[in-house]
Amino acid sequence: MKKILITGASGGIGSSIADKFLKNKYEMILTSSSEVTLSNLKKKYGKNHHYYVLNFINPDENNIILKKISEEHQDLDVIVNNAGITDDSLLLRMKTDQWNNVIQANLSSNFTIIKALLPNMIRNKSGNIIGVSSVVATSGNPGQSNYVAAKSGMIGFYKSIALEVASRNINVNVVSPGFIISPMTNKLNDNQKNVILEKIPMKRFGEANEIADLVYFLSSDDSKYITGQNIHINGGMLMV
């Protein structure tokens, strides 16, 4: 049985990714930012999987937990870095904490996790690492300079790691979703939705399971010659 780590497993995309790998009989290591959300994951997925609190704004605590994960799960096959936060503001109004927290949670967390868990993959001479970025990492987005900086930084970071570990049979890729049906899009009124849909050639929002399908593909042998790529999944909203 293969083993996967999924961060941010309680969110819309995260839970769809977990469902996909559960269906394909993976043993899962799931993380969330609080005991409450982690408890919900335990109720949903049961005792045959593993659960850890990782709050990426507290890196010192995470180092201890990641050391434990590394020691207890040396046979890890797949890492999916999906966790992230937003704290939006126009640059001139953005506080230093807003910048630092978003960079820490969305970018630096990738460094911390991969640095802690990559040695096992190198020893095993096998692995897949997948990061979930965003369409705005390439397009930019007003009011989200912190989030965009973090998500675009991920792309460069993953490409660099891909070059470092390609000869070790470890694949490293990024998935960049566009607008996906979520609590955020559900809060939009019809006019706001129509403005966004006008920019999407397929005239619909994506679904979380479609992201999960792509993540699963990138973790499988069907994609073993793909590494160092940023794969967009946005209904044609951005073609690069």
Protein backbone atom coordinates (compact mmCIF):
# COMPACT_ATOMS: atom_id res chain seq x y z
CA MET A 1 0.00 0.00 0.00
CA LYS A 2 1.38 3.41 -0.99
CA LYS A 3 1.50 6.30 1.47
CA ILE A 4 0.69 9.97 0.89
CA LEU A 5 0.98 13.17 2.97
CA ILE A 6 -1.68 15.80 2.25
CA THR A 7 -1.52 19.21 3.94
CA GLY A 8 -4.65 21.34 4.23
CA ALA A 9 -6.72 18.17 4.01
CA SER A 10 -9.83 19.74 5.54
CA GLY A 11 -10.33 22.32 2.77
CA GLY A 12 -12.39 21.87 -0.39
CA ILE A 13 -9.52 20.90 -2.67
CA GLY A 14 -7.66 19.09 0.12
CA SER A 15 -10.61 16.89 1.02
CA SER A 16 -11.21 16.03 -2.64
CA ILE A 17 -7.56 15.02 -2.98
CA ALA A 18 -7.87 12.85 0.14
CA ASP A 19 -11.05 11.24 -1.22
CA LYS A 20 -9.32 10.44 -4.50
CA PHE A 21 -6.34 8.75 -2.86
CA LEU A 22 -8.57 6.93 -0.37
CA LYS A 23 -10.54 5.51 -3.29
CA ASN A 24 -7.25 4.27 -4.73
CA LYS A 25 -6.34 2.58 -1.45
CA TYR A 26 -3.54 4.87 -0.25
CA GLU A 27 -2.57 5.07 3.40
CA MET A 28 -2.91 8.76 4.23
CA ILE A 29 -1.10 11.20 6.49
CA LEU A 30 -3.43 14.18 6.82
CA THR A 31 -2.66 17.55 8.36
CA SER A 32 -4.78 20.50 9.32
CA SER A 33 -4.19 23.75 11.19
CA SER A 34 -6.28 23.02 14.30
CA GLU A 35 -7.37 20.16 16.56
CA VAL A 36 -11.01 20.85 15.69
CA THR A 37 -10.58 20.35 11.94
CA LEU A 38 -8.24 17.44 12.56
CA SER A 39 -10.92 15.77 14.70
CA ASN A 40 -13.35 16.08 11.80
CA LEU A 41 -10.83 14.40 9.50
CA LYS A 42 -10.42 11.53 11.96
CA LYS A 43 -14.19 11.02 12.02
CA LYS A 44 -14.37 11.05 8.24
CA TYR A 45 -11.42 8.82 7.34
CA GLY A 46 -11.04 6.59 10.41
CA LYS A 47 -8.27 5.00 12.41
CA ASN A 48 -6.33 3.40 9.54
CA HIS A 49 -4.77 6.76 8.63
CA HIS A 50 -2.55 9.29 10.44
CA TYR A 51 -3.31 12.80 11.61
CA TYR A 52 -1.15 15.76 12.67
CA VAL A 53 -1.73 19.43 13.44
CA LEU A 54 0.50 21.68 11.33
CA ASN A 55 -0.13 25.40 11.72
CA PHE A 56 2.25 26.96 9.23
CA ILE A 57 2.37 30.31 11.00
CA ASN A 58 4.22 28.54 13.85
CA PRO A 59 7.33 27.06 12.17
CA ASP A 60 9.13 26.07 15.39
CA GLU A 61 6.30 23.78 16.49
CA ASN A 62 6.06 22.34 12.99
CA ASN A 63 9.71 21.31 12.96
CA ILE A 64 9.07 18.98 15.91
CA ILE A 65 5.98 17.47 14.27
CA LEU A 66 7.70 17.07 10.90
CA LYS A 67 10.63 15.29 12.56
CA LYS A 68 8.11 12.87 14.05
CA ILE A 69 6.41 12.34 10.67
CA SER A 70 9.79 11.72 9.05
CA GLU A 71 10.71 9.11 11.65
CA GLU A 72 7.32 7.36 11.68
CA HIS A 73 6.72 7.35 7.92
CA GLN A 74 10.01 6.60 6.22
CA ASP A 75 8.11 4.83 3.42
CA LEU A 76 6.34 8.00 2.26
CA ASP A 77 5.59 7.89 -1.49
CA VAL A 78 3.80 11.18 -2.22
CA ILE A 79 3.77 14.68 -0.71
CA VAL A 80 0.94 17.05 -1.66
CA ASN A 81 1.46 20.57 -0.32
CA ASN A 82 -2.02 22.01 -0.55
CA ALA A 83 -2.37 24.10 2.63
CA GLY A 84 -2.58 27.85 2.35
CA ILE A 85 -4.20 31.02 3.66
CA THR A 86 -5.21 34.40 2.29
CA ASP A 87 -5.16 37.80 4.01
CA ASP A 88 -5.95 40.28 1.27
CA SER A 89 -5.23 43.98 1.13
CA LEU A 90 -4.00 46.57 -1.32
CA LEU A 91 -0.24 46.98 -0.94
CA LEU A 92 -0.38 50.46 0.56
CA ARG A 93 -2.72 49.21 3.30
CA MET A 94 -1.06 45.85 3.87
CA LYS A 95 0.43 45.30 7.31
CA THR A 96 3.77 43.61 7.78
CA ASP A 97 2.10 40.70 9.60
CA GLN A 98 -0.28 40.16 6.67
CA TRP A 99 2.70 39.84 4.36
CA ASN A 100 4.81 37.68 6.66
CA ASN A 101 2.03 35.28 7.65
CA VAL A 102 0.90 34.60 4.09
CA ILE A 103 4.47 34.10 2.87
CA GLN A 104 5.15 31.78 5.82
CA ALA A 105 1.99 29.68 5.38
CA ASN A 106 1.96 29.48 1.57
CA LEU A 107 5.66 29.47 0.62
CA SER A 108 8.03 28.85 3.52
CA SER A 109 5.92 25.89 4.66
CA ASN A 110 6.87 24.11 1.43
CA PHE A 111 10.55 24.54 2.24
CA THR A 112 10.06 23.22 5.78
CA ILE A 113 8.04 20.16 4.74
CA ILE A 114 10.15 19.13 1.77
CA LYS A 115 13.43 19.65 3.63
CA ALA A 116 12.17 17.44 6.47
CA LEU A 117 10.71 14.62 4.36
CA LEU A 118 12.84 14.56 1.21
CA PRO A 119 15.74 12.57 2.76
CA ASN A 120 13.49 9.51 3.09
CA MET A 121 12.52 9.75 -0.58
CA ILE A 122 16.17 10.07 -1.58
CA ARG A 123 17.02 6.96 0.42
CA ASN A 124 14.10 5.11 -1.16
CA LYS A 125 15.06 6.41 -4.64
CA SER A 126 11.42 7.11 -5.34
CA GLY A 127 8.79 9.77 -4.75
CA ASN A 128 6.39 12.38 -6.06
CA ILE A 129 6.08 15.91 -4.69
CA ILE A 130 3.16 18.06 -5.84
CA GLY A 131 2.45 21.66 -4.83
CA VAL A 132 -0.88 23.41 -5.27
CA SER A 133 -0.32 26.97 -6.48
CA SER A 134 -2.84 29.23 -8.28
CA VAL A 135 -3.62 30.83 -11.61
CA VAL A 136 -2.92 34.23 -10.01
CA ALA A 137 0.71 33.21 -9.51
CA THR A 138 1.09 33.78 -13.25
CA SER A 139 -1.55 36.45 -13.91
CA GLY A 140 -1.19 38.57 -10.76
CA ASN A 141 -4.20 39.82 -8.80
CA PRO A 142 -4.85 43.23 -7.21
CA GLY A 143 -5.18 43.10 -3.45
CA GLN A 144 -3.31 39.81 -3.22
CA SER A 145 0.33 40.77 -3.64
CA ASN A 146 1.32 38.64 -0.63
CA TYR A 147 -0.59 35.56 -1.83
CA VAL A 148 0.60 35.98 -5.43
CA ALA A 149 4.22 36.39 -4.32
CA ALA A 150 3.98 33.20 -2.27
CA LYS A 151 2.26 31.15 -4.97
CA SER A 152 4.61 32.33 -7.73
CA GLY A 153 7.56 31.70 -5.42
CA MET A 154 6.35 28.12 -5.09
CA ILE A 155 6.70 27.59 -8.83
CA GLY A 156 10.35 28.65 -8.91
CA PHE A 157 11.07 26.68 -5.75
CA TYR A 158 9.56 23.46 -7.09
CA LYS A 159 11.38 23.76 -10.41
CA SER A 160 14.67 24.13 -8.58
CA ILE A 161 13.97 21.09 -6.38
CA ALA A 162 12.93 19.13 -9.47
CA LEU A 163 16.37 19.76 -10.97
CA GLU A 164 18.09 18.70 -7.75
CA VAL A 165 16.31 15.35 -7.35
CA ALA A 166 15.41 14.23 -10.90
CA SER A 167 18.30 11.77 -10.99
CA ARG A 168 16.97 10.17 -7.76
CA ASN A 169 13.70 9.10 -9.42
CA ILE A 170 11.74 11.81 -7.62
CA ASN A 171 9.25 13.91 -9.60
CA VAL A 172 8.37 17.44 -8.49
CA ASN A 173 5.49 19.38 -10.06
CA VAL A 174 3.03 22.20 -9.43
CA VAL A 175 -0.70 22.39 -10.14
CA SER A 176 -2.22 25.85 -10.61
CA PRO A 177 -6.03 25.88 -10.31
CA GLY A 178 -8.20 28.69 -11.60
CA PHE A 179 -11.61 29.48 -10.07
CA ILE A 180 -12.86 26.36 -8.33
CA ILE A 181 -16.30 25.90 -6.74
CA SER A 182 -15.73 26.58 -3.06
CA PRO A 183 -17.21 28.48 -0.10
CA MET A 184 -15.48 31.56 -1.56
CA THR A 185 -17.19 31.33 -4.96
CA ASN A 186 -20.50 30.44 -3.31
CA LYS A 187 -20.45 33.82 -1.57
CA LEU A 188 -20.31 35.70 -4.89
CA ASN A 189 -23.50 37.25 -6.21
CA ASP A 190 -24.72 36.52 -9.73
CA ASN A 191 -23.15 39.69 -11.17
CA GLN A 192 -19.75 38.86 -9.65
CA LYS A 193 -19.96 35.29 -10.93
CA ASN A 194 -20.85 36.47 -14.43
CA VAL A 195 -17.87 38.88 -14.53
CA ILE A 196 -15.53 35.99 -13.70
CA LEU A 197 -17.26 33.52 -16.05
CA GLU A 198 -16.82 35.96 -18.94
CA LYS A 199 -13.05 35.40 -18.56
CA ILE A 200 -13.36 31.60 -18.65
CA PRO A 201 -13.82 30.12 -22.15
CA MET A 202 -15.50 27.00 -20.72
CA LYS A 203 -18.07 29.27 -18.99
CA ARG A 204 -18.01 27.38 -15.70
CA PHE A 205 -16.04 27.17 -12.49
CA GLY A 206 -13.86 24.13 -11.96
CA GLU A 207 -14.67 21.41 -9.45
CA ALA A 208 -12.37 20.28 -6.65
CA ASN A 209 -12.45 16.68 -7.87
CA GLU A 210 -10.96 17.84 -11.18
CA ILE A 211 -7.95 19.18 -9.29
CA ALA A 212 -7.74 15.91 -7.37
CA ASP A 213 -7.73 13.94 -10.64
CA LEU A 214 -4.75 15.93 -11.90
CA VAL A 215 -2.88 15.55 -8.60
CA TYR A 216 -3.48 11.80 -8.70
CA PHE A 217 -2.22 11.61 -12.29
CA LEU A 218 0.98 13.42 -11.30
CA SER A 219 1.51 10.93 -8.47
CA SER A 220 1.12 7.88 -10.70
CA ASP A 221 3.41 5.97 -13.04
CA ASP A 222 1.41 7.45 -15.94
CA SER A 223 3.30 10.72 -15.39
CA LYS A 224 6.76 9.39 -14.53
CA TYR A 225 8.46 11.42 -17.32
CA ILE A 226 6.89 14.70 -16.13
CA THR A 227 8.86 16.82 -13.67
CA GLY A 228 9.54 20.51 -13.03
CA GLN A 229 6.24 21.55 -14.58
CA ASN A 230 3.56 24.06 -13.56
CA ILE A 231 0.32 22.63 -14.93
CA HIS A 232 -2.60 25.04 -15.27
CA ILE A 233 -6.17 23.82 -14.78
CA ASN A 234 -8.46 26.79 -15.29
CA GLY A 235 -10.97 26.17 -18.10
CA GLY A 236 -8.88 28.22 -20.53
CA MET A 237 -8.93 31.36 -18.36
CA LEU A 238 -5.16 31.67 -18.75
CA MET A 239 -3.20 29.98 -21.53
CA VAL A 240 0.58 30.10 -21.15
